[in-house]
Protein backbone atom coordinates (compact mmCIF):
# COMPACT_ATOMS: atom_id res chain seq x y z
CA UNK A 1 0.00 0.00 0.00
CA UNK A 2 1.35 3.43 -0.96
CA UNK A 3 1.99 5.95 1.77
CA UNK A 4 -0.56 8.71 1.90
CA UNK A 5 0.84 12.18 1.06
CA UNK A 6 1.01 14.57 4.00
CA UNK A 7 -1.90 16.93 4.52
CA UNK A 8 -1.60 20.41 3.11
CA UNK A 9 -2.65 22.58 6.05
CA UNK A 10 -2.65 25.66 3.80
CA UNK A 11 -5.22 24.28 1.37
CA UNK A 12 -8.92 24.98 1.70
CA UNK A 13 -9.45 21.62 0.01
CA UNK A 14 -8.09 19.68 3.01
CA UNK A 15 -10.67 18.09 5.26
CA UNK A 16 -10.61 19.99 8.56
CA UNK A 17 -11.35 16.86 10.58
CA UNK A 18 -8.35 15.07 9.08
CA UNK A 19 -6.17 18.14 9.63
CA UNK A 20 -7.33 18.37 13.25
CA UNK A 21 -6.59 14.70 13.90
CA UNK A 22 -3.19 15.04 12.25
CA UNK A 23 -2.29 18.06 14.38
CA UNK A 24 -3.51 16.40 17.57
CA UNK A 25 -1.35 13.36 16.86
CA UNK A 26 1.80 15.52 16.56
CA UNK A 27 4.10 16.44 19.40
CA UNK A 28 4.46 20.08 20.35
CA UNK A 29 7.85 20.26 18.62
CA UNK A 30 6.40 18.76 15.39
CA UNK A 31 3.54 21.27 15.36
CA UNK A 32 5.93 24.18 15.92
CA UNK A 33 7.87 23.19 12.77
CA UNK A 34 4.82 23.81 10.57
CA UNK A 35 3.90 27.24 11.98
CA UNK A 36 4.04 29.94 9.30
CA UNK A 37 5.16 32.71 11.63
CA UNK A 38 6.77 33.26 14.98
CA UNK A 39 4.59 32.23 17.87
CA UNK A 40 3.97 33.35 21.43
CA UNK A 41 3.86 30.42 23.83
CA UNK A 42 1.50 30.44 26.79
CA UNK A 43 4.32 30.84 29.30
CA UNK A 44 5.18 34.19 27.64
CA UNK A 45 1.71 35.61 28.34
CA UNK A 46 1.53 37.19 31.81
CA UNK A 47 -1.22 36.04 34.15
CA UNK A 48 -3.68 38.29 35.94
CA UNK A 49 -2.26 40.26 38.84
CA UNK A 50 -4.29 42.63 40.93
CA UNK A 51 -2.88 46.11 40.70
CA UNK A 52 -3.78 49.25 42.52
CA UNK A 53 -5.64 49.71 45.73
CA UNK A 54 -9.23 50.35 46.54
CA UNK A 55 -11.04 51.38 49.68
CA UNK A 56 -14.11 49.36 48.68
CA UNK A 57 -14.47 45.84 50.02
CA UNK A 58 -14.48 43.32 47.14
CA UNK A 59 -17.64 41.27 46.57
CA UNK A 60 -15.64 38.03 46.40
CA UNK A 61 -12.49 36.66 48.01
CA UNK A 62 -9.37 36.63 45.85
CA UNK A 63 -8.72 33.20 44.34
CA UNK A 64 -5.02 33.05 43.44
CA UNK A 65 -5.40 29.63 41.77
CA UNK A 66 -8.07 31.00 39.44
CA UNK A 67 -6.10 34.20 38.80
CA UNK A 68 -3.22 32.06 37.48
CA UNK A 69 -5.57 30.94 34.67
CA UNK A 70 -6.61 34.43 33.53
CA UNK A 71 -4.58 36.62 31.19
CA UNK A 72 -5.10 39.92 29.45
CA UNK A 73 -3.24 40.15 26.16
CA UNK A 74 -2.68 43.07 23.84
CA UNK A 75 -1.12 42.10 20.54
CA UNK A 76 -1.52 39.81 17.53
CA UNK A 77 -3.78 37.00 18.77
CA UNK A 78 -3.06 34.92 15.66
CA UNK A 79 0.45 34.31 16.98
CA UNK A 80 -0.71 32.89 20.31
CA UNK A 81 0.00 29.19 20.76
CA UNK A 82 -3.23 28.48 22.63
CA UNK A 83 -6.45 26.53 22.18
CA UNK A 84 -9.08 29.19 22.85
CA UNK A 85 -9.60 32.94 23.01
CA UNK A 86 -12.47 34.62 24.84
CA UNK A 87 -13.58 37.99 23.57
CA UNK A 88 -15.00 39.83 26.53
CA UNK A 89 -16.35 42.74 24.51
CA UNK A 90 -19.23 44.48 26.20
CA UNK A 91 -22.18 46.01 24.42
CA UNK A 92 -23.51 49.11 26.12
CA UNK A 93 -26.93 50.15 24.96
CA UNK A 94 -27.17 53.90 24.32
CA UNK A 95 -29.61 55.78 26.51
CA UNK A 96 -31.69 58.62 25.11
CA UNK A 97 -32.01 61.58 27.43
């Protein structure tokens, strides 16, 4: 049986499910070799740190374990080597006076 040619990750003709399975089967080092651009690994993104002071009592206790899982990032999100991005944009409805 002939070996199957490698998937072309740049082609819109490639099946996304096959591409996903192929990428998931690769080691981190193998995946990094096929990146088109430089990347920013997760350990380069700073985690949330409370800054400033306030006289108001917070509604909730600080959870340092949870804070280690939250980051704010300003930059090119397409270079982040992560699995998910949450857009916390807020819609504020205009008020007529």
